[in-house]
Amino acid sequence: MGAATRQREVLEELRRQIRHLERRPARRAGALPSGRPEVDALLPGGGFPCGSITSIVGGPASGKTQLALDALRMAQESGALAAFVDGRGELYPPAAVALGIDPARLLIVRRKDGNGGGRQEAATGLWAAEALLASGAFAAVAVDVPVRSVPAARAEAMLRRLRSAAEKGGAVALWLGAPGGPCLSAALRLELTGPARSPTVCLVRGEAVARGAGEGHAA
């Protein structure tokens, strides 16, 4: 099966599921609590901004996926739907359920074989994320898609489209990135270091790091 055919099938399946939700695009404002008061205290507005991208950057076992799942759980608790674009094929659904995620209200997008990381897989994951964010059916969408294999210019263009999609759909977009990865134009950037159970969370805005009020520990 060709790459273009796989991409069309993924997007068509997303469209089918979104139509099945029978939800009109929602205009959201404000912020979505992260589920961790100590993190919310660092964020302007007390949570992740709606209609914008927040970049959560950390290495392996840094706790970034858990932080994203906490936010998706908060979206579900408000009565909304959430989605996770698992471009790496590493999300373990039982672990998400253990964090309080309702699997019936979480759409997980991944390859059927669970593999990811290639250029076409990354592009397909980004297109899927764009469709979810722009649909207005999801209050929060976490995107874990490795883009190192995608040419820089193409990756930047796709990431700009994600930002526009988040603005259109009013969703909270959570981009899970790795240190040294492509620079994403995001409203906020959180950098996680240390153990996953109690990482140090540093809020970065542009090139400046907010010290004091912009630094803390997430339990």
C-alpha atoms as a PDB file:
ATOM      1  CA  MET A   1       0.000   0.000   0.000  1.00  0.00           C
ATOM      2  CA  GLY A   2       1.391   3.405  -0.983  1.00  0.00           C
ATOM      3  CA  ALA A   3       2.112   6.168   1.527  1.00  0.00           C
ATOM      4  CA  ALA A   4      -0.486   8.479  -0.046  1.00  0.00           C
ATOM      5  CA  THR A   5      -3.134   5.769   0.215  1.00  0.00           C
ATOM      6  CA  ARG A   6      -2.327   5.165   3.899  1.00  0.00           C
ATOM      7  CA  GLN A   7      -2.580   8.894   4.576  1.00  0.00           C
ATOM      8  CA  ARG A   8      -5.992   9.119   2.889  1.00  0.00           C
ATOM      9  CA  GLU A   9      -7.264   6.154   4.890  1.00  0.00           C
ATOM     10  CA  VAL A  10      -6.120   7.661   8.193  1.00  0.00           C
ATOM     11  CA  LEU A  11      -7.734  11.016   7.444  1.00  0.00           C
ATOM     12  CA  GLU A  12     -10.952   9.441   6.176  1.00  0.00           C
ATOM     13  CA  GLU A  13     -11.236   7.357   9.334  1.00  0.00           C
ATOM     14  CA  LEU A  14     -10.736  10.502  11.428  1.00  0.00           C
ATOM     15  CA  ARG A  15     -13.413  12.330   9.461  1.00  0.00           C
ATOM     16  CA  ARG A  16     -15.785   9.407   9.958  1.00  0.00           C
ATOM     17  CA  GLN A  17     -15.225   9.381  13.708  1.00  0.00           C
ATOM     18  CA  ILE A  18     -15.566  13.148  13.973  1.00  0.00           C
ATOM     19  CA  ARG A  19     -18.854  13.063  12.029  1.00  0.00           C
ATOM     20  CA  HIS A  20     -20.045  10.293  14.330  1.00  0.00           C
ATOM     21  CA  LEU A  21     -19.513  12.604  17.305  1.00  0.00           C
ATOM     22  CA  GLU A  22     -22.124  14.990  15.863  1.00  0.00           C
ATOM     23  CA  ARG A  23     -20.467  17.964  17.466  1.00  0.00           C
ATOM     24  CA  ARG A  24     -20.263  21.413  15.990  1.00  0.00           C
ATOM     25  CA  PRO A  25     -16.944  23.241  16.315  1.00  0.00           C
ATOM     26  CA  ALA A  26     -16.892  24.803  19.759  1.00  0.00           C
ATOM     27  CA  ARG A  27     -15.589  28.275  20.409  1.00  0.00           C
ATOM     28  CA  ARG A  28     -13.608  28.002  23.625  1.00  0.00           C
ATOM     29  CA  ALA A  29     -11.816  30.631  25.586  1.00  0.00           C
ATOM     30  CA  GLY A  30      -9.770  30.725  28.721  1.00  0.00           C
ATOM     31  CA  ALA A  31      -7.540  27.924  29.924  1.00  0.00           C
ATOM     32  CA  LEU A  32      -7.693  24.226  30.731  1.00  0.00           C
ATOM     33  CA  PRO A  33      -6.288  23.280  34.154  1.00  0.00           C
ATOM     34  CA  SER A  34      -3.337  20.924  33.918  1.00  0.00           C
ATOM     35  CA  GLY A  35      -4.584  18.765  36.772  1.00  0.00           C
ATOM     36  CA  ARG A  36      -1.610  19.817  38.892  1.00  0.00           C
ATOM     37  CA  PRO A  37      -2.057  22.969  41.001  1.00  0.00           C
ATOM     38  CA  GLU A  38       1.697  23.515  41.224  1.00  0.00           C
ATOM     39  CA  VAL A  39       1.934  23.573  37.426  1.00  0.00           C
ATOM     40  CA  ASP A  40      -1.162  25.760  37.018  1.00  0.00           C
ATOM     41  CA  ALA A  41       0.488  28.286  39.315  1.00  0.00           C
ATOM     42  CA  LEU A  42       3.219  28.713  36.699  1.00  0.00           C
ATOM     43  CA  LEU A  43       0.869  29.182  33.762  1.00  0.00           C
ATOM     44  CA  PRO A  44      -0.696  32.532  32.795  1.00  0.00           C
ATOM     45  CA  GLY A  45      -4.432  32.120  33.248  1.00  0.00           C
ATOM     46  CA  GLY A  46      -3.984  29.142  35.533  1.00  0.00           C
ATOM     47  CA  GLY A  47      -3.835  26.474  32.860  1.00  0.00           C
ATOM     48  CA  PHE A  48      -3.063  25.575  29.262  1.00  0.00           C
ATOM     49  CA  PRO A  49      -4.462  28.257  26.910  1.00  0.00           C
ATOM     50  CA  CYS A  50      -7.351  27.276  24.663  1.00  0.00           C
ATOM     51  CA  GLY A  51      -6.879  27.862  20.966  1.00  0.00           C
ATOM     52  CA  SER A  52      -3.101  27.706  21.318  1.00  0.00           C
ATOM     53  CA  ILE A  53      -0.193  25.292  21.375  1.00  0.00           C
ATOM     54  CA  THR A  54       1.742  24.547  24.535  1.00  0.00           C
ATOM     55  CA  SER A  55       5.036  22.767  23.997  1.00  0.00           C
ATOM     56  CA  ILE A  56       5.998  20.248  26.690  1.00  0.00           C
ATOM     57  CA  VAL A  57       9.646  19.332  26.290  1.00  0.00           C
ATOM     58  CA  GLY A  58      11.478  16.580  28.115  1.00  0.00           C
ATOM     59  CA  GLY A  59      13.688  13.568  27.635  1.00  0.00           C
ATOM     60  CA  PRO A  60      12.721   9.916  28.109  1.00  0.00           C
ATOM     61  CA  ALA A  61      10.932   9.225  31.419  1.00  0.00           C
ATOM     62  CA  SER A  62      10.723  12.957  32.160  1.00  0.00           C
ATOM     63  CA  GLY A  63       6.978  12.827  32.883  1.00  0.00           C
ATOM     64  CA  LYS A  64       5.825  14.845  29.862  1.00  0.00           C
ATOM     65  CA  THR A  65       3.360  12.171  28.703  1.00  0.00           C
ATOM     66  CA  GLN A  66       1.884  11.898  32.181  1.00  0.00           C
ATOM     67  CA  LEU A  67       1.483  15.683  32.359  1.00  0.00           C
ATOM     68  CA  ALA A  68      -0.312  15.650  29.006  1.00  0.00           C
ATOM     69  CA  LEU A  69      -2.603  12.816  30.124  1.00  0.00           C
ATOM     70  CA  ASP A  70      -3.441  14.727  33.306  1.00  0.00           C
ATOM     71  CA  ALA A  71      -4.617  17.628  31.143  1.00  0.00           C
ATOM     72  CA  LEU A  72      -6.648  15.331  28.894  1.00  0.00           C
ATOM     73  CA  ARG A  73      -8.289  13.916  32.012  1.00  0.00           C
ATOM     74  CA  MET A  74      -9.238  17.448  33.091  1.00  0.00           C
ATOM     75  CA  ALA A  75     -10.812  18.024  29.678  1.00  0.00           C
ATOM     76  CA  GLN A  76     -12.830  14.837  30.090  1.00  0.00           C
ATOM     77  CA  GLU A  77     -13.942  15.819  33.579  1.00  0.00           C
ATOM     78  CA  SER A  78     -15.401  19.009  32.106  1.00  0.00           C
ATOM     79  CA  GLY A  79     -17.603  16.820  29.894  1.00  0.00           C
ATOM     80  CA  ALA A  80     -15.499  17.197  26.742  1.00  0.00           C
ATOM     81  CA  LEU A  81     -13.626  14.781  24.525  1.00  0.00           C
ATOM     82  CA  ALA A  82      -9.860  14.449  24.217  1.00  0.00           C
ATOM     83  CA  ALA A  83      -7.441  12.902  21.731  1.00  0.00           C
ATOM     84  CA  PHE A  84      -3.871  11.632  21.690  1.00  0.00           C
ATOM     85  CA  VAL A  85      -1.910  11.384  18.445  1.00  0.00           C
ATOM     86  CA  ASP A  86       0.580   8.640  19.264  1.00  0.00           C
ATOM     87  CA  GLY A  87       3.078   8.923  16.452  1.00  0.00           C
ATOM     88  CA  ARG A  88       5.682   6.910  18.355  1.00  0.00           C
ATOM     89  CA  GLY A  89       3.378   4.017  19.178  1.00  0.00           C
ATOM     90  CA  GLU A  90       4.450   4.168  22.818  1.00  0.00           C
ATOM     91  CA  LEU A  91       1.250   5.153  24.628  1.00  0.00           C
ATOM     92  CA  TYR A  92       0.101   2.346  26.956  1.00  0.00           C
ATOM     93  CA  PRO A  93      -3.697   2.665  27.314  1.00  0.00           C
ATOM     94  CA  PRO A  94      -3.935   0.807  30.686  1.00  0.00           C
ATOM     95  CA  ALA A  95      -1.468   3.306  32.159  1.00  0.00           C
ATOM     96  CA  ALA A  96      -3.649   6.143  30.889  1.00  0.00           C
ATOM     97  CA  VAL A  97      -6.700   4.549  32.501  1.00  0.00           C
ATOM     98  CA  ALA A  98      -4.748   4.253  35.762  1.00  0.00           C
ATOM     99  CA  LEU A  99      -4.282   8.043  35.645  1.00  0.00           C
ATOM    100  CA  GLY A 100      -8.043   8.526  35.480  1.00  0.00           C
ATOM    101  CA  ILE A 101      -8.514   8.690  31.709  1.00  0.00           C
ATOM    102  CA  ASP A 102     -11.921   7.532  30.442  1.00  0.00           C
ATOM    103  CA  PRO A 103     -11.067   5.380  27.399  1.00  0.00           C
ATOM    104  CA  ALA A 104     -14.554   5.893  25.978  1.00  0.00           C
ATOM    105  CA  ARG A 105     -13.880   9.626  25.709  1.00  0.00           C
ATOM    106  CA  LEU A 106     -10.305   9.435  24.441  1.00  0.00           C
ATOM    107  CA  LEU A 107      -9.517   8.995  20.750  1.00  0.00           C
ATOM    108  CA  ILE A 108      -6.065   7.482  20.222  1.00  0.00           C
ATOM    109  CA  VAL A 109      -4.617   7.876  16.732  1.00  0.00           C
ATOM    110  CA  ARG A 110      -1.758   5.544  15.835  1.00  0.00           C
ATOM    111  CA  ARG A 111      -0.629   3.151  13.144  1.00  0.00           C
ATOM    112  CA  LYS A 112      -2.262  -0.255  13.359  1.00  0.00           C
ATOM    113  CA  ASP A 113       1.115  -1.935  13.706  1.00  0.00           C
ATOM    114  CA  GLY A 114       2.095   0.476  16.477  1.00  0.00           C
ATOM    115  CA  ASN A 115       5.249   1.577  14.684  1.00  0.00           C
ATOM    116  CA  GLY A 116       6.236   5.159  13.958  1.00  0.00           C
ATOM    117  CA  GLY A 117       9.203   7.386  13.390  1.00  0.00           C
ATOM    118  CA  GLY A 118       9.489   7.397   9.594  1.00  0.00           C
ATOM    119  CA  ARG A 119       9.040  10.484   7.438  1.00  0.00           C
ATOM    120  CA  GLN A 120       5.655   9.449   6.039  1.00  0.00           C
ATOM    121  CA  GLU A 121       4.407   8.300   9.443  1.00  0.00           C
ATOM    122  CA  ALA A 122       5.365  11.682  10.917  1.00  0.00           C
ATOM    123  CA  ALA A 123       3.594  13.566   8.134  1.00  0.00           C
ATOM    124  CA  THR A 124       0.472  11.436   8.531  1.00  0.00           C
ATOM    125  CA  GLY A 125       0.491  12.009  12.294  1.00  0.00           C
ATOM    126  CA  LEU A 126       0.730  15.774  11.832  1.00  0.00           C
ATOM    127  CA  TRP A 127      -2.101  15.786   9.305  1.00  0.00           C
ATOM    128  CA  ALA A 128      -4.216  13.759  11.718  1.00  0.00           C
ATOM    129  CA  ALA A 129      -3.453  16.208  14.536  1.00  0.00           C
ATOM    130  CA  GLU A 130      -4.441  19.105  12.308  1.00  0.00           C
ATOM    131  CA  ALA A 131      -7.801  17.480  11.507  1.00  0.00           C
ATOM    132  CA  LEU A 132      -8.540  16.810  15.172  1.00  0.00           C
ATOM    133  CA  LEU A 133      -7.611  20.301  16.336  1.00  0.00           C
ATOM    134  CA  ALA A 134      -9.580  22.064  13.616  1.00  0.00           C
ATOM    135  CA  SER A 135     -12.693  19.906  14.075  1.00  0.00           C
ATOM    136  CA  GLY A 136     -13.807  21.620  17.277  1.00  0.00           C
ATOM    137  CA  ALA A 137     -14.954  18.244  18.627  1.00  0.00           C
ATOM    138  CA  PHE A 138     -12.046  17.887  21.054  1.00  0.00           C
ATOM    139  CA  ALA A 139     -11.234  20.178  23.949  1.00  0.00           C
ATOM    140  CA  ALA A 140      -7.640  18.966  24.160  1.00  0.00           C
ATOM    141  CA  VAL A 141      -5.320  17.120  21.800  1.00  0.00           C
ATOM    142  CA  ALA A 142      -1.885  15.794  22.754  1.00  0.00           C
ATOM    143  CA  VAL A 143       0.518  15.322  19.847  1.00  0.00           C
ATOM    144  CA  ASP A 144       3.522  13.017  20.224  1.00  0.00           C
ATOM    145  CA  VAL A 145       4.955  12.808  16.719  1.00  0.00           C
ATOM    146  CA  PRO A 146       8.712  12.594  16.017  1.00  0.00           C
ATOM    147  CA  VAL A 147       9.587  14.949  13.154  1.00  0.00           C
ATOM    148  CA  ARG A 148      13.355  14.557  12.919  1.00  0.00           C
ATOM    149  CA  SER A 149      12.967  12.620   9.672  1.00  0.00           C
ATOM    150  CA  VAL A 150      10.873  15.381   8.053  1.00  0.00           C
ATOM    151  CA  PRO A 151      12.747  18.114   6.138  1.00  0.00           C
ATOM    152  CA  ALA A 152      12.986  21.244   8.291  1.00  0.00           C
ATOM    153  CA  ALA A 153      11.041  23.525   5.955  1.00  0.00           C
ATOM    154  CA  ARG A 154       8.209  21.015   5.597  1.00  0.00           C
ATOM    155  CA  ALA A 155       8.070  20.356   9.339  1.00  0.00           C
ATOM    156  CA  GLU A 156       7.889  24.079  10.102  1.00  0.00           C
ATOM    157  CA  ALA A 157       5.044  24.522   7.614  1.00  0.00           C
ATOM    158  CA  MET A 158       3.123  21.632   9.180  1.00  0.00           C
ATOM    159  CA  LEU A 159       3.640  22.984  12.675  1.00  0.00           C
ATOM    160  CA  ARG A 160       2.319  26.373  11.585  1.00  0.00           C
ATOM    161  CA  ARG A 161      -0.771  24.584  10.286  1.00  0.00           C
ATOM    162  CA  LEU A 162      -1.215  22.959  13.691  1.00  0.00           C
ATOM    163  CA  ARG A 163      -1.210  26.364  15.327  1.00  0.00           C
ATOM    164  CA  SER A 164      -3.866  27.632  12.898  1.00  0.00           C
ATOM    165  CA  ALA A 165      -5.949  24.487  13.471  1.00  0.00           C
ATOM    166  CA  ALA A 166      -5.842  24.977  17.249  1.00  0.00           C
ATOM    167  CA  GLU A 167      -6.999  28.575  16.827  1.00  0.00           C
ATOM    168  CA  LYS A 168      -9.827  27.485  14.516  1.00  0.00           C
ATOM    169  CA  GLY A 169     -11.113  24.706  16.745  1.00  0.00           C
ATOM    170  CA  GLY A 170     -10.459  26.442  20.059  1.00  0.00           C
ATOM    171  CA  ALA A 171      -8.685  23.364  21.373  1.00  0.00           C
ATOM    172  CA  VAL A 172      -5.783  23.051  23.765  1.00  0.00           C
ATOM    173  CA  ALA A 173      -2.908  21.616  21.753  1.00  0.00           C
ATOM    174  CA  LEU A 174      -0.130  19.915  23.706  1.00  0.00           C
ATOM    175  CA  TRP A 175       3.003  19.251  21.672  1.00  0.00           C
ATOM    176  CA  LEU A 176       5.303  16.671  23.254  1.00  0.00           C
ATOM    177  CA  GLY A 177       8.857  17.347  22.171  1.00  0.00           C
ATOM    178  CA  ALA A 178      12.387  16.279  22.952  1.00  0.00           C
ATOM    179  CA  PRO A 179      15.302  18.520  23.936  1.00  0.00           C
ATOM    180  CA  GLY A 180      17.096  19.692  20.838  1.00  0.00           C
ATOM    181  CA  GLY A 181      14.078  18.960  18.642  1.00  0.00           C
ATOM    182  CA  PRO A 182      12.551  21.327  16.056  1.00  0.00           C
ATOM    183  CA  CYS A 183      11.678  24.761  17.421  1.00  0.00           C
ATOM    184  CA  LEU A 184       7.901  25.064  17.637  1.00  0.00           C
ATOM    185  CA  SER A 185       6.145  28.420  17.642  1.00  0.00           C
ATOM    186  CA  ALA A 186       4.038  27.912  20.761  1.00  0.00           C
ATOM    187  CA  ALA A 187       2.198  30.167  23.183  1.00  0.00           C
ATOM    188  CA  LEU A 188       4.012  28.513  26.086  1.00  0.00           C
ATOM    189  CA  ARG A 189       6.887  26.091  26.531  1.00  0.00           C
ATOM    190  CA  LEU A 190       7.344  23.866  29.549  1.00  0.00           C
ATOM    191  CA  GLU A 191      10.674  22.123  30.045  1.00  0.00           C
ATOM    192  CA  LEU A 192      10.730  19.055  32.288  1.00  0.00           C
ATOM    193  CA  THR A 193      13.855  17.674  33.873  1.00  0.00           C
ATOM    194  CA  GLY A 194      14.491  15.168  36.631  1.00  0.00           C
ATOM    195  CA  PRO A 195      12.516  12.058  37.576  1.00  0.00           C
ATOM    196  CA  ALA A 196       9.043  11.534  36.151  1.00  0.00           C
ATOM    197  CA  ARG A 197       7.493  11.249  39.624  1.00  0.00           C
ATOM    198  CA  SER A 198       8.675  14.721  40.644  1.00  0.00           C
ATOM    199  CA  PRO A 199      10.085  16.599  37.661  1.00  0.00           C
ATOM    200  CA  THR A 200      11.336  20.160  37.720  1.00  0.00           C
ATOM    201  CA  VAL A 201       9.020  22.200  35.500  1.00  0.00           C
ATOM    202  CA  CYS A 202      10.431  25.356  33.974  1.00  0.00           C
ATOM    203  CA  LEU A 203       8.218  27.818  32.093  1.00  0.00           C
ATOM    204  CA  VAL A 204       9.885  29.391  29.064  1.00  0.00           C
ATOM    205  CA  ARG A 205       8.358  32.239  27.074  1.00  0.00           C
ATOM    206  CA  GLY A 206      10.250  33.028  23.904  1.00  0.00           C
ATOM    207  CA  GLU A 207      13.935  33.227  24.725  1.00  0.00           C
ATOM    208  CA  ALA A 208      13.390  34.284  28.345  1.00  0.00           C
ATOM    209  CA  VAL A 209      13.005  31.893  31.237  1.00  0.00           C
ATOM    210  CA  ALA A 210      10.637  33.067  33.946  1.00  0.00           C
ATOM    211  CA  ARG A 211      12.526  32.488  37.175  1.00  0.00           C
ATOM    212  CA  GLY A 212      10.909  32.273  40.586  1.00  0.00           C
ATOM    213  CA  ALA A 213       7.253  32.219  39.616  1.00  0.00           C
ATOM    214  CA  GLY A 214       8.236  30.436  36.419  1.00  0.00           C
ATOM    215  CA  GLU A 215       9.961  27.500  38.027  1.00  0.00           C
ATOM    216  CA  GLY A 216       8.635  24.779  40.274  1.00  0.00           C
ATOM    217  CA  HIS A 217       8.211  21.110  40.981  1.00  0.00           C
ATOM    218  CA  ALA A 218       5.354  19.002  39.675  1.00  0.00           C
ATOM    219  CA  ALA A 219       4.552  16.179  42.064  1.00  0.00           C
END
